[in-house]
N, C-alpha and C. Protein backbone atom coordinates (compact mmCIF):
# COMPACT_ATOMS: atom_id res chain seq x y z
N MET A 1 22.42 13.41 9.72
CA MET A 1 20.97 13.54 9.66
C MET A 1 20.54 13.62 8.19
N ALA A 2 19.33 13.19 7.95
CA ALA A 2 18.78 13.23 6.60
C ALA A 2 17.40 13.85 6.64
N THR A 3 17.00 14.43 5.54
CA THR A 3 15.73 15.13 5.44
C THR A 3 14.64 14.22 4.87
N CYS A 4 13.49 14.18 5.55
CA CYS A 4 12.36 13.39 5.10
C CYS A 4 11.83 13.95 3.78
N GLU A 5 11.63 13.07 2.81
CA GLU A 5 11.16 13.52 1.50
C GLU A 5 9.68 13.94 1.49
N VAL A 6 8.95 13.61 2.55
CA VAL A 6 7.54 13.98 2.61
C VAL A 6 7.34 15.30 3.36
N CYS A 7 7.85 15.37 4.60
CA CYS A 7 7.56 16.54 5.44
C CYS A 7 8.71 17.52 5.54
N GLY A 8 9.90 17.12 5.08
CA GLY A 8 11.05 18.02 5.12
C GLY A 8 11.76 18.08 6.46
N ASN A 9 11.34 17.28 7.43
CA ASN A 9 11.97 17.27 8.75
C ASN A 9 13.38 16.72 8.65
N ASP A 10 14.34 17.43 9.24
CA ASP A 10 15.73 16.98 9.30
C ASP A 10 15.90 16.26 10.63
N TYR A 11 15.94 14.93 10.60
CA TYR A 11 15.80 14.12 11.80
C TYR A 11 16.97 13.16 11.94
N ALA A 12 17.54 13.10 13.15
CA ALA A 12 18.70 12.24 13.40
C ALA A 12 18.39 10.76 13.23
N MET A 13 17.14 10.36 13.41
CA MET A 13 16.80 8.94 13.32
C MET A 13 15.99 8.63 12.06
N SER A 14 16.23 9.38 11.01
CA SER A 14 15.55 9.09 9.75
C SER A 14 16.01 7.72 9.24
N PHE A 15 15.28 7.18 8.28
CA PHE A 15 15.62 5.85 7.76
C PHE A 15 15.40 5.83 6.25
N GLU A 16 16.02 4.87 5.61
CA GLU A 16 15.89 4.70 4.17
C GLU A 16 15.02 3.50 3.86
N VAL A 17 14.26 3.63 2.78
CA VAL A 17 13.51 2.52 2.23
C VAL A 17 13.99 2.32 0.80
N HIS A 18 14.45 1.12 0.50
CA HIS A 18 14.92 0.78 -0.84
C HIS A 18 13.81 -0.01 -1.52
N ALA A 19 13.28 0.54 -2.61
CA ALA A 19 12.18 -0.12 -3.30
C ALA A 19 12.25 0.15 -4.80
N GLN A 20 12.13 -0.88 -5.58
CA GLN A 20 12.08 -0.80 -7.04
C GLN A 20 13.22 0.05 -7.61
N GLY A 21 14.43 -0.14 -7.06
CA GLY A 21 15.61 0.53 -7.57
C GLY A 21 15.80 1.96 -7.10
N ALA A 22 14.94 2.45 -6.23
CA ALA A 22 15.06 3.82 -5.71
C ALA A 22 15.26 3.78 -4.20
N VAL A 23 15.86 4.84 -3.68
CA VAL A 23 16.07 4.98 -2.24
C VAL A 23 15.25 6.17 -1.76
N HIS A 24 14.44 5.95 -0.73
CA HIS A 24 13.59 7.00 -0.16
C HIS A 24 14.01 7.22 1.28
N VAL A 25 13.93 8.48 1.75
CA VAL A 25 14.30 8.82 3.13
C VAL A 25 13.07 9.38 3.84
N PHE A 26 12.79 8.84 5.03
CA PHE A 26 11.64 9.27 5.81
C PHE A 26 12.05 9.46 7.26
N ASP A 27 11.26 10.27 7.99
CA ASP A 27 11.51 10.46 9.42
C ASP A 27 10.53 9.67 10.28
N SER A 28 9.51 9.06 9.64
CA SER A 28 8.51 8.30 10.39
C SER A 28 7.84 7.30 9.45
N PHE A 29 7.23 6.29 10.07
CA PHE A 29 6.45 5.35 9.27
C PHE A 29 5.25 6.04 8.64
N GLU A 30 4.70 7.03 9.32
CA GLU A 30 3.56 7.78 8.78
C GLU A 30 3.92 8.39 7.42
N CYS A 31 5.08 9.03 7.35
CA CYS A 31 5.50 9.64 6.07
C CYS A 31 5.79 8.57 5.02
N ALA A 32 6.40 7.45 5.43
CA ALA A 32 6.68 6.36 4.49
C ALA A 32 5.39 5.80 3.92
N ILE A 33 4.39 5.59 4.77
CA ILE A 33 3.10 5.07 4.31
C ILE A 33 2.45 6.07 3.36
N HIS A 34 2.50 7.34 3.72
CA HIS A 34 1.89 8.37 2.87
C HIS A 34 2.50 8.36 1.47
N ALA A 35 3.81 8.23 1.40
CA ALA A 35 4.51 8.30 0.11
C ALA A 35 4.44 7.02 -0.70
N MET A 36 4.45 5.86 -0.04
CA MET A 36 4.67 4.62 -0.76
C MET A 36 3.48 3.69 -0.86
N SER A 37 2.45 3.91 -0.08
CA SER A 37 1.31 2.99 -0.09
C SER A 37 0.50 3.13 -1.38
N PRO A 38 0.06 1.99 -1.92
CA PRO A 38 -0.84 2.08 -3.07
C PRO A 38 -2.20 2.63 -2.60
N VAL A 39 -2.99 3.06 -3.56
CA VAL A 39 -4.31 3.62 -3.27
C VAL A 39 -5.38 2.66 -3.77
N CYS A 40 -6.41 2.42 -2.96
CA CYS A 40 -7.52 1.57 -3.36
C CYS A 40 -8.17 2.14 -4.62
N GLU A 41 -8.33 1.30 -5.62
CA GLU A 41 -8.88 1.76 -6.89
C GLU A 41 -10.39 1.97 -6.85
N HIS A 42 -11.01 1.65 -5.70
CA HIS A 42 -12.46 1.87 -5.57
C HIS A 42 -12.76 3.07 -4.68
N CYS A 43 -12.22 3.08 -3.46
CA CYS A 43 -12.58 4.14 -2.50
C CYS A 43 -11.50 5.20 -2.32
N GLY A 44 -10.28 4.95 -2.79
CA GLY A 44 -9.22 5.95 -2.72
C GLY A 44 -8.40 5.96 -1.44
N VAL A 45 -8.68 5.06 -0.49
CA VAL A 45 -7.93 5.03 0.76
C VAL A 45 -6.52 4.49 0.52
N LYS A 46 -5.54 4.98 1.29
CA LYS A 46 -4.19 4.44 1.23
C LYS A 46 -4.20 3.04 1.82
N ILE A 47 -3.56 2.09 1.16
CA ILE A 47 -3.53 0.71 1.62
C ILE A 47 -2.24 0.51 2.41
N SER A 48 -2.34 0.55 3.74
CA SER A 48 -1.16 0.38 4.57
C SER A 48 -1.07 -1.04 5.14
N GLY A 49 -2.09 -1.82 4.92
CA GLY A 49 -2.08 -3.23 5.33
C GLY A 49 -1.86 -4.11 4.12
N HIS A 50 -2.33 -5.34 4.20
CA HIS A 50 -2.09 -6.29 3.11
C HIS A 50 -2.97 -6.02 1.90
N GLY A 51 -4.18 -5.52 2.07
CA GLY A 51 -5.06 -5.27 0.94
C GLY A 51 -5.39 -6.52 0.16
N VAL A 52 -6.04 -6.34 -0.95
CA VAL A 52 -6.33 -7.45 -1.86
C VAL A 52 -5.97 -7.04 -3.28
N GLU A 53 -5.66 -8.04 -4.08
CA GLU A 53 -5.32 -7.80 -5.48
C GLU A 53 -6.27 -8.61 -6.35
N ALA A 54 -6.70 -8.01 -7.43
CA ALA A 54 -7.57 -8.70 -8.37
C ALA A 54 -7.21 -8.28 -9.78
N ASP A 55 -6.74 -9.23 -10.55
CA ASP A 55 -6.43 -8.99 -11.95
C ASP A 55 -5.49 -7.80 -12.14
N GLY A 56 -4.48 -7.68 -11.26
CA GLY A 56 -3.49 -6.62 -11.36
C GLY A 56 -3.92 -5.28 -10.77
N HIS A 57 -5.07 -5.23 -10.13
CA HIS A 57 -5.57 -4.01 -9.50
C HIS A 57 -5.55 -4.19 -7.99
N PHE A 58 -5.32 -3.10 -7.25
CA PHE A 58 -5.22 -3.17 -5.80
C PHE A 58 -6.39 -2.48 -5.12
N PHE A 59 -6.89 -3.13 -4.07
CA PHE A 59 -8.02 -2.62 -3.31
C PHE A 59 -7.72 -2.78 -1.82
N CYS A 60 -8.36 -1.96 -0.99
CA CYS A 60 -8.14 -2.07 0.45
C CYS A 60 -8.82 -3.30 1.03
N CYS A 61 -9.86 -3.80 0.36
CA CYS A 61 -10.60 -4.96 0.88
C CYS A 61 -11.37 -5.63 -0.26
N ALA A 62 -11.85 -6.84 0.01
CA ALA A 62 -12.62 -7.57 -0.99
C ALA A 62 -13.92 -6.83 -1.33
N HIS A 63 -14.50 -6.15 -0.35
CA HIS A 63 -15.73 -5.39 -0.58
C HIS A 63 -15.53 -4.36 -1.69
N CYS A 64 -14.42 -3.61 -1.64
CA CYS A 64 -14.14 -2.60 -2.67
C CYS A 64 -13.87 -3.25 -4.03
N ALA A 65 -13.18 -4.39 -4.03
CA ALA A 65 -12.93 -5.08 -5.29
C ALA A 65 -14.25 -5.50 -5.93
N ARG A 66 -15.15 -6.06 -5.12
CA ARG A 66 -16.46 -6.45 -5.65
C ARG A 66 -17.24 -5.21 -6.11
N GLY A 67 -17.10 -4.11 -5.37
CA GLY A 67 -17.78 -2.87 -5.74
C GLY A 67 -17.32 -2.31 -7.06
N LYS A 68 -16.12 -2.67 -7.46
CA LYS A 68 -15.57 -2.24 -8.74
C LYS A 68 -15.93 -3.23 -9.84
N GLY A 69 -16.69 -4.29 -9.47
CA GLY A 69 -17.15 -5.25 -10.45
C GLY A 69 -16.20 -6.41 -10.71
N ILE A 70 -15.21 -6.60 -9.85
CA ILE A 70 -14.25 -7.69 -10.02
C ILE A 70 -14.90 -9.02 -9.65
N ASP A 71 -14.70 -10.01 -10.47
CA ASP A 71 -15.18 -11.37 -10.21
C ASP A 71 -14.57 -11.87 -8.90
N PRO A 72 -15.38 -12.26 -7.92
CA PRO A 72 -14.86 -12.71 -6.63
C PRO A 72 -13.82 -13.83 -6.72
N THR A 73 -13.85 -14.64 -7.75
CA THR A 73 -12.87 -15.71 -7.88
C THR A 73 -11.48 -15.17 -8.25
N LEU A 74 -11.39 -13.91 -8.65
CA LEU A 74 -10.10 -13.31 -9.00
C LEU A 74 -9.48 -12.51 -7.86
N ILE A 75 -10.20 -12.36 -6.75
CA ILE A 75 -9.73 -11.52 -5.64
C ILE A 75 -8.76 -12.32 -4.78
N ARG A 76 -7.52 -11.83 -4.69
CA ARG A 76 -6.47 -12.50 -3.91
C ARG A 76 -6.19 -11.69 -2.65
N ASP A 77 -6.21 -12.37 -1.51
CA ASP A 77 -5.93 -11.74 -0.23
C ASP A 77 -4.44 -11.91 0.07
N HIS A 78 -3.70 -10.79 0.19
CA HIS A 78 -2.26 -10.87 0.41
C HIS A 78 -1.87 -11.28 1.82
N ALA A 79 -2.82 -11.33 2.73
CA ALA A 79 -2.52 -11.79 4.09
C ALA A 79 -2.22 -13.28 4.09
N ASP A 80 -2.77 -13.99 3.13
CA ASP A 80 -2.57 -15.43 3.04
C ASP A 80 -2.34 -15.73 1.55
N THR A 81 -1.10 -15.69 1.12
CA THR A 81 -0.75 -15.81 -0.29
C THR A 81 -1.47 -16.97 -0.96
N GLY A 82 -2.11 -16.65 -2.06
CA GLY A 82 -2.77 -17.67 -2.85
C GLY A 82 -4.19 -17.96 -2.44
N ARG A 83 -4.58 -17.54 -1.25
CA ARG A 83 -5.94 -17.82 -0.79
C ARG A 83 -6.91 -16.82 -1.41
N LEU A 84 -8.06 -17.28 -1.79
CA LEU A 84 -9.09 -16.40 -2.32
C LEU A 84 -9.76 -15.68 -1.16
N ALA A 85 -9.99 -14.38 -1.33
CA ALA A 85 -10.71 -13.62 -0.30
C ALA A 85 -12.14 -14.11 -0.24
N GLN A 86 -12.72 -14.06 0.93
CA GLN A 86 -14.11 -14.47 1.08
C GLN A 86 -15.04 -13.48 0.41
N ALA A 87 -15.87 -13.96 -0.46
CA ALA A 87 -16.80 -13.10 -1.19
C ALA A 87 -18.03 -12.93 -0.36
């Protein structure tokens, strides 16, 4: 058994996530999302879906990217690589 790094639960079915050279241990996807998800730079919500990227910044949606003043032509939707998000 391994201990979740977020909640401390010692769980027989814990799992590891290998990311950026580090190994993380969690007991649930909820804890993994809490620990590893980026945060929207406009509204502060955890981005557990594809989100959008604009000029190296991450947002939960195109609306938040535009709200931060990002040029709509720079907003990339990760659900469809390379496609511009609808402004």
